[in-house]
């Protein structure tokens, strides 16, 4: 049963990572690409690491996989948030199809939606 769960977790993780890579190529602007890379690749990496842990158990490799998954789960979303906020403050334009820019509305500044 654990063997099946480990393979399901591994395959799900690879699927999420693949979707994140496709989103990285297909999405139109920095912020959408960052969202795809952050959400999908974080879930994918954690799924792969969980699958490795389930496959190997409480050996050195399994514990290292859990520690790496925890590290990725904590650091990647925080880093992506900091990069996106810095990009907005620096003035990187949003995609022209963006419907709402709440960050700029909250700051009371000029919209940074790309009208080209």
Protein backbone atom coordinates (compact mmCIF):
# COMPACT_ATOMS: atom_id res chain seq x y z
CA UNK A 1 0.00 0.00 0.00
CA UNK A 2 2.83 2.40 0.87
CA UNK A 3 4.47 1.55 -2.46
CA UNK A 4 1.33 2.62 -4.33
CA UNK A 5 1.04 5.84 -2.30
CA UNK A 6 4.67 6.67 -3.00
CA UNK A 7 4.19 6.22 -6.75
CA UNK A 8 0.99 8.28 -6.69
CA UNK A 9 2.81 11.05 -4.82
CA UNK A 10 5.77 10.92 -7.21
CA UNK A 11 3.57 11.02 -10.31
CA UNK A 12 1.42 13.82 -8.90
CA UNK A 13 4.55 15.80 -8.07
CA UNK A 14 5.93 15.33 -11.57
CA UNK A 15 2.54 16.39 -12.99
CA UNK A 16 2.47 19.59 -10.94
CA UNK A 17 6.05 20.37 -11.93
CA UNK A 18 5.22 19.81 -15.60
CA UNK A 19 2.19 22.14 -15.33
CA UNK A 20 4.37 24.77 -13.68
CA UNK A 21 6.90 24.55 -16.50
CA UNK A 22 4.17 24.86 -19.12
CA UNK A 23 2.75 27.88 -17.28
CA UNK A 24 6.20 29.43 -17.15
CA UNK A 25 6.37 29.29 -20.94
CA UNK A 26 2.75 30.15 -21.77
CA UNK A 27 1.74 32.91 -19.34
CA UNK A 28 2.01 36.50 -20.61
CA UNK A 29 3.79 38.50 -17.92
CA UNK A 30 6.20 38.25 -15.02
CA UNK A 31 3.54 38.02 -12.33
CA UNK A 32 1.54 35.22 -13.96
CA UNK A 33 4.73 33.29 -14.68
CA UNK A 34 5.90 33.73 -11.12
CA UNK A 35 2.56 32.41 -9.85
CA UNK A 36 2.84 29.30 -12.03
CA UNK A 37 6.42 28.68 -11.01
CA UNK A 38 5.73 29.20 -7.32
CA UNK A 39 2.49 27.29 -6.81
CA UNK A 40 2.95 24.37 -9.17
CA UNK A 41 6.64 23.77 -8.68
CA UNK A 42 6.35 24.04 -4.88
CA UNK A 43 3.55 21.46 -4.82
CA UNK A 44 5.41 19.33 -7.35
CA UNK A 45 8.68 19.35 -5.46
CA UNK A 46 6.95 18.60 -2.16
CA UNK A 47 5.02 15.77 -3.81
CA UNK A 48 8.21 14.27 -5.20
CA UNK A 49 9.97 14.57 -1.84
CA UNK A 50 7.00 12.99 -0.05
CA UNK A 51 7.06 10.14 -2.57
CA UNK A 52 10.77 9.62 -1.92
CA UNK A 53 10.14 9.58 1.82
CA UNK A 54 7.31 7.06 1.46
CA UNK A 55 9.46 4.88 -0.79
CA UNK A 56 12.57 4.89 1.43
CA UNK A 57 11.09 5.26 4.93
CA UNK A 58 12.91 6.71 7.94
CA UNK A 59 16.43 6.27 6.56
CA UNK A 60 18.88 9.09 5.89
CA UNK A 61 17.52 9.72 2.39
CA UNK A 62 13.90 9.81 3.57
CA UNK A 63 14.57 12.27 6.38
CA UNK A 64 16.60 14.48 4.04
CA UNK A 65 13.69 14.45 1.56
CA UNK A 66 11.29 15.61 4.29
CA UNK A 67 13.67 18.36 5.39
CA UNK A 68 14.07 19.53 1.78
CA UNK A 69 10.29 19.52 1.27
CA UNK A 70 9.81 21.60 4.41
CA UNK A 71 12.53 24.03 3.29
CA UNK A 72 10.97 24.42 -0.17
CA UNK A 73 7.48 24.81 1.30
CA UNK A 74 8.62 27.67 3.53
CA UNK A 75 11.13 29.54 1.37
CA UNK A 76 9.79 29.48 -2.20
CA UNK A 77 6.45 31.27 -1.58
CA UNK A 78 8.15 33.90 0.60
CA UNK A 79 10.83 34.55 -2.02
CA UNK A 80 8.25 34.78 -4.82
CA UNK A 81 6.18 37.24 -2.80
CA UNK A 82 9.23 39.42 -2.18
CA UNK A 83 10.21 39.33 -5.87
CA UNK A 84 6.68 40.17 -7.04
CA UNK A 85 6.35 43.05 -4.58
CA UNK A 86 9.75 44.39 -5.57
CA UNK A 87 8.81 44.16 -9.24
CA UNK A 88 5.59 46.10 -8.62
CA UNK A 89 7.41 48.78 -6.67
CA UNK A 90 10.13 48.98 -9.33
CA UNK A 91 7.42 49.46 -11.97
CA UNK A 92 7.36 46.25 -14.01
CA UNK A 93 4.17 46.51 -16.09
CA UNK A 94 1.25 44.15 -15.66
CA UNK A 95 -0.23 42.36 -18.67
CA UNK A 96 -2.76 44.46 -20.63
CA UNK A 97 -5.47 41.87 -19.92
CA UNK A 98 -5.13 42.29 -16.17
CA UNK A 99 -8.54 43.10 -14.72
CA UNK A 100 -7.67 44.50 -11.27
CA UNK A 101 -4.53 45.97 -9.77
CA UNK A 102 -5.25 46.04 -6.05
CA UNK A 103 -1.67 46.85 -5.05
CA UNK A 104 -1.65 50.13 -6.95
CA UNK A 105 -5.22 50.91 -5.84
CA UNK A 106 -4.22 50.46 -2.20
CA UNK A 107 -1.18 52.70 -2.62
CA UNK A 108 -3.23 55.37 -4.42
CA UNK A 109 -0.76 55.52 -7.27
CA UNK A 110 -0.88 55.44 -11.02
CA UNK A 111 -1.87 52.13 -12.61
CA UNK A 112 1.00 50.08 -14.00
CA UNK A 113 -1.09 47.98 -16.39
CA UNK A 114 0.64 47.77 -19.77
CA UNK A 115 -1.69 49.38 -22.34
CA UNK A 116 0.36 48.47 -25.39
